[in-house]
Amino acid sequence: MSARYREFGSIHDVSGMSAFSVVQTNIYYTLGLVNTPKFLASNLQLGNSILKILNPTINSQVGDFQNIPVIVEAENTRIIELVKANINITKEDWNQQDDRWEFKKPLLI
């Protein structure tokens, strides 16, 4: 499992499930949780480990994602800062390719 951030106005379909929340910090917390690498001593991602407990089959459903336990600590902004920073790094990297809509200039210039 991997999760990515979709900006407001992006299009989603059934090939990849999407999650929505009225509270933006919930999205960042959930992204941080399910994308956390190397759960304990295993090489599994935390999100994969949780989904295997909730649904041991190959196909995950929307209900499985809704049942992922997320405890949001409102006063802890460090997690939100890290997730936002990772989103920005990935977005900048993606936009370095000249066939992207938000391409500005090549990396070497």
C-alpha atoms as a PDB file:
ATOM      1  CA  MET A   1       0.000   0.000   0.000  1.00  0.00           C
ATOM      2  CA  SER A   2       1.068   3.519  -0.654  1.00  0.00           C
ATOM      3  CA  ALA A   3      -0.883   6.713  -0.301  1.00  0.00           C
ATOM      4  CA  ARG A   4      -0.462  10.081  -1.931  1.00  0.00           C
ATOM      5  CA  TYR A   5      -1.872  13.528  -1.463  1.00  0.00           C
ATOM      6  CA  ARG A   6      -4.348  14.831  -4.003  1.00  0.00           C
ATOM      7  CA  GLU A   7      -4.816  18.555  -4.305  1.00  0.00           C
ATOM      8  CA  PHE A   8      -8.243  20.143  -4.278  1.00  0.00           C
ATOM      9  CA  GLY A   9      -9.819  19.865  -7.714  1.00  0.00           C
ATOM     10  CA  SER A  10      -7.913  16.750  -8.789  1.00  0.00           C
ATOM     11  CA  ILE A  11      -9.801  13.909 -10.403  1.00  0.00           C
ATOM     12  CA  HIS A  12     -10.083  10.475  -8.818  1.00  0.00           C
ATOM     13  CA  ASP A  13     -11.568   7.205 -10.018  1.00  0.00           C
ATOM     14  CA  VAL A  14     -11.924   3.568  -8.994  1.00  0.00           C
ATOM     15  CA  SER A  15      -8.401   2.505 -10.027  1.00  0.00           C
ATOM     16  CA  GLY A  16      -7.074   4.064  -6.839  1.00  0.00           C
ATOM     17  CA  MET A  17      -9.274   4.730  -3.858  1.00  0.00           C
ATOM     18  CA  SER A  18      -9.433   8.247  -2.449  1.00  0.00           C
ATOM     19  CA  ALA A  19     -10.051   9.453   1.069  1.00  0.00           C
ATOM     20  CA  PHE A  20     -11.597  12.750   2.024  1.00  0.00           C
ATOM     21  CA  SER A  21     -11.854  14.718   5.233  1.00  0.00           C
ATOM     22  CA  VAL A  22     -13.305  18.064   6.184  1.00  0.00           C
ATOM     23  CA  VAL A  23     -10.365  18.479   8.577  1.00  0.00           C
ATOM     24  CA  GLN A  24      -7.154  18.843   6.530  1.00  0.00           C
ATOM     25  CA  THR A  25      -4.895  17.765   9.410  1.00  0.00           C
ATOM     26  CA  ASN A  26      -6.614  14.359   9.436  1.00  0.00           C
ATOM     27  CA  ILE A  27      -5.444  13.784   5.864  1.00  0.00           C
ATOM     28  CA  TYR A  28      -1.840  14.653   6.755  1.00  0.00           C
ATOM     29  CA  TYR A  29      -1.868  12.459   9.863  1.00  0.00           C
ATOM     30  CA  THR A  30      -3.286   9.518   7.922  1.00  0.00           C
ATOM     31  CA  LEU A  31      -0.742   9.941   5.115  1.00  0.00           C
ATOM     32  CA  GLY A  32       2.046  10.004   7.665  1.00  0.00           C
ATOM     33  CA  LEU A  33       0.721   6.903   9.374  1.00  0.00           C
ATOM     34  CA  VAL A  34       0.092   4.654   6.377  1.00  0.00           C
ATOM     35  CA  ASN A  35       3.311   5.649   4.574  1.00  0.00           C
ATOM     36  CA  THR A  36       5.534   5.065   7.606  1.00  0.00           C
ATOM     37  CA  PRO A  37       8.266   2.659   6.460  1.00  0.00           C
ATOM     38  CA  LYS A  38       9.596  -0.412   8.231  1.00  0.00           C
ATOM     39  CA  PHE A  39       7.092  -1.301  10.893  1.00  0.00           C
ATOM     40  CA  LEU A  40       9.011  -2.592  13.926  1.00  0.00           C
ATOM     41  CA  ALA A  41      11.573  -5.219  12.889  1.00  0.00           C
ATOM     42  CA  SER A  42       9.828  -6.178   9.662  1.00  0.00           C
ATOM     43  CA  ASN A  43      10.356  -4.612   6.267  1.00  0.00           C
ATOM     44  CA  LEU A  44       6.627  -3.992   5.945  1.00  0.00           C
ATOM     45  CA  GLN A  45       5.161  -0.554   5.735  1.00  0.00           C
ATOM     46  CA  LEU A  46       2.915   0.336   8.669  1.00  0.00           C
ATOM     47  CA  GLY A  47      -0.074   0.852   6.367  1.00  0.00           C
ATOM     48  CA  ASN A  48       0.399  -2.629   4.864  1.00  0.00           C
ATOM     49  CA  SER A  49       0.609  -4.189   8.315  1.00  0.00           C
ATOM     50  CA  ILE A  50      -2.608  -2.537   9.471  1.00  0.00           C
ATOM     51  CA  LEU A  51      -4.496  -3.453   6.289  1.00  0.00           C
ATOM     52  CA  LYS A  52      -3.386  -7.096   6.566  1.00  0.00           C
ATOM     53  CA  ILE A  53      -4.924  -7.207  10.021  1.00  0.00           C
ATOM     54  CA  LEU A  54      -8.157  -5.548   8.889  1.00  0.00           C
ATOM     55  CA  ASN A  55      -8.453  -7.524   5.651  1.00  0.00           C
ATOM     56  CA  PRO A  56      -6.018 -10.371   4.901  1.00  0.00           C
ATOM     57  CA  THR A  57      -7.121 -10.650   1.247  1.00  0.00           C
ATOM     58  CA  ILE A  58      -5.356  -9.022  -1.703  1.00  0.00           C
ATOM     59  CA  ASN A  59      -8.080  -6.445  -2.373  1.00  0.00           C
ATOM     60  CA  SER A  60      -8.647  -3.728   0.186  1.00  0.00           C
ATOM     61  CA  GLN A  61     -11.989  -1.978   0.343  1.00  0.00           C
ATOM     62  CA  VAL A  62     -12.967   1.550   1.351  1.00  0.00           C
ATOM     63  CA  GLY A  63     -14.294   0.217   4.654  1.00  0.00           C
ATOM     64  CA  ASP A  64     -10.866  -1.238   5.468  1.00  0.00           C
ATOM     65  CA  PHE A  65      -9.278   2.169   5.014  1.00  0.00           C
ATOM     66  CA  GLN A  66     -11.949   3.806   7.167  1.00  0.00           C
ATOM     67  CA  ASN A  67     -11.163   1.355   9.959  1.00  0.00           C
ATOM     68  CA  ILE A  68      -7.468   2.265  10.189  1.00  0.00           C
ATOM     69  CA  PRO A  69      -7.011   3.563  13.738  1.00  0.00           C
ATOM     70  CA  VAL A  70      -5.733   7.131  13.629  1.00  0.00           C
ATOM     71  CA  ILE A  71      -5.234   9.156  16.791  1.00  0.00           C
ATOM     72  CA  VAL A  72      -4.873  12.815  15.883  1.00  0.00           C
ATOM     73  CA  GLU A  73      -2.940  14.873  18.409  1.00  0.00           C
ATOM     74  CA  ALA A  74      -3.990  18.441  17.716  1.00  0.00           C
ATOM     75  CA  GLU A  75      -1.063  19.994  19.565  1.00  0.00           C
ATOM     76  CA  ASN A  76       1.594  17.963  17.717  1.00  0.00           C
ATOM     77  CA  THR A  77       2.295  19.933  14.549  1.00  0.00           C
ATOM     78  CA  ARG A  78       5.632  18.211  13.819  1.00  0.00           C
ATOM     79  CA  ILE A  79       3.957  15.314  11.997  1.00  0.00           C
ATOM     80  CA  ILE A  80       1.953  17.709   9.845  1.00  0.00           C
ATOM     81  CA  GLU A  81       5.090  19.719   9.023  1.00  0.00           C
ATOM     82  CA  LEU A  82       6.978  16.576   7.976  1.00  0.00           C
ATOM     83  CA  VAL A  83       4.146  15.293   5.790  1.00  0.00           C
ATOM     84  CA  LYS A  84       3.728  18.700   4.109  1.00  0.00           C
ATOM     85  CA  ALA A  85       7.493  18.910   3.517  1.00  0.00           C
ATOM     86  CA  ASN A  86       7.475  15.466   1.902  1.00  0.00           C
ATOM     87  CA  ILE A  87       4.531  16.437  -0.293  1.00  0.00           C
ATOM     88  CA  ASN A  88       6.383  19.582  -1.442  1.00  0.00           C
ATOM     89  CA  ILE A  89       9.616  17.675  -2.154  1.00  0.00           C
ATOM     90  CA  THR A  90       7.738  15.118  -4.226  1.00  0.00           C
ATOM     91  CA  LYS A  91       5.792  17.812  -6.081  1.00  0.00           C
ATOM     92  CA  GLU A  92       8.978  19.733  -6.934  1.00  0.00           C
ATOM     93  CA  ASP A  93      10.629  16.545  -8.160  1.00  0.00           C
ATOM     94  CA  TRP A  94       7.593  15.647 -10.271  1.00  0.00           C
ATOM     95  CA  ASN A  95       7.483  19.117 -11.839  1.00  0.00           C
ATOM     96  CA  GLN A  96      11.118  18.866 -12.993  1.00  0.00           C
ATOM     97  CA  GLN A  97       9.901  16.847 -15.968  1.00  0.00           C
ATOM     98  CA  ASP A  98       9.130  19.000 -18.979  1.00  0.00           C
ATOM     99  CA  ASP A  99       5.855  17.260 -19.806  1.00  0.00           C
ATOM    100  CA  ARG A 100       4.191  18.294 -16.528  1.00  0.00           C
ATOM    101  CA  TRP A 101       1.630  21.088 -16.319  1.00  0.00           C
ATOM    102  CA  GLU A 102       3.517  22.966 -13.622  1.00  0.00           C
ATOM    103  CA  PHE A 103       6.953  22.635 -15.285  1.00  0.00           C
ATOM    104  CA  LYS A 104       8.923  25.880 -14.934  1.00  0.00           C
ATOM    105  CA  LYS A 105      12.530  25.256 -15.927  1.00  0.00           C
ATOM    106  CA  PRO A 106      15.050  22.410 -16.180  1.00  0.00           C
ATOM    107  CA  LEU A 107      16.908  21.450 -13.018  1.00  0.00           C
ATOM    108  CA  LEU A 108      20.336  22.363 -14.446  1.00  0.00           C
ATOM    109  CA  ILE A 109      19.438  25.930 -15.422  1.00  0.00           C
END
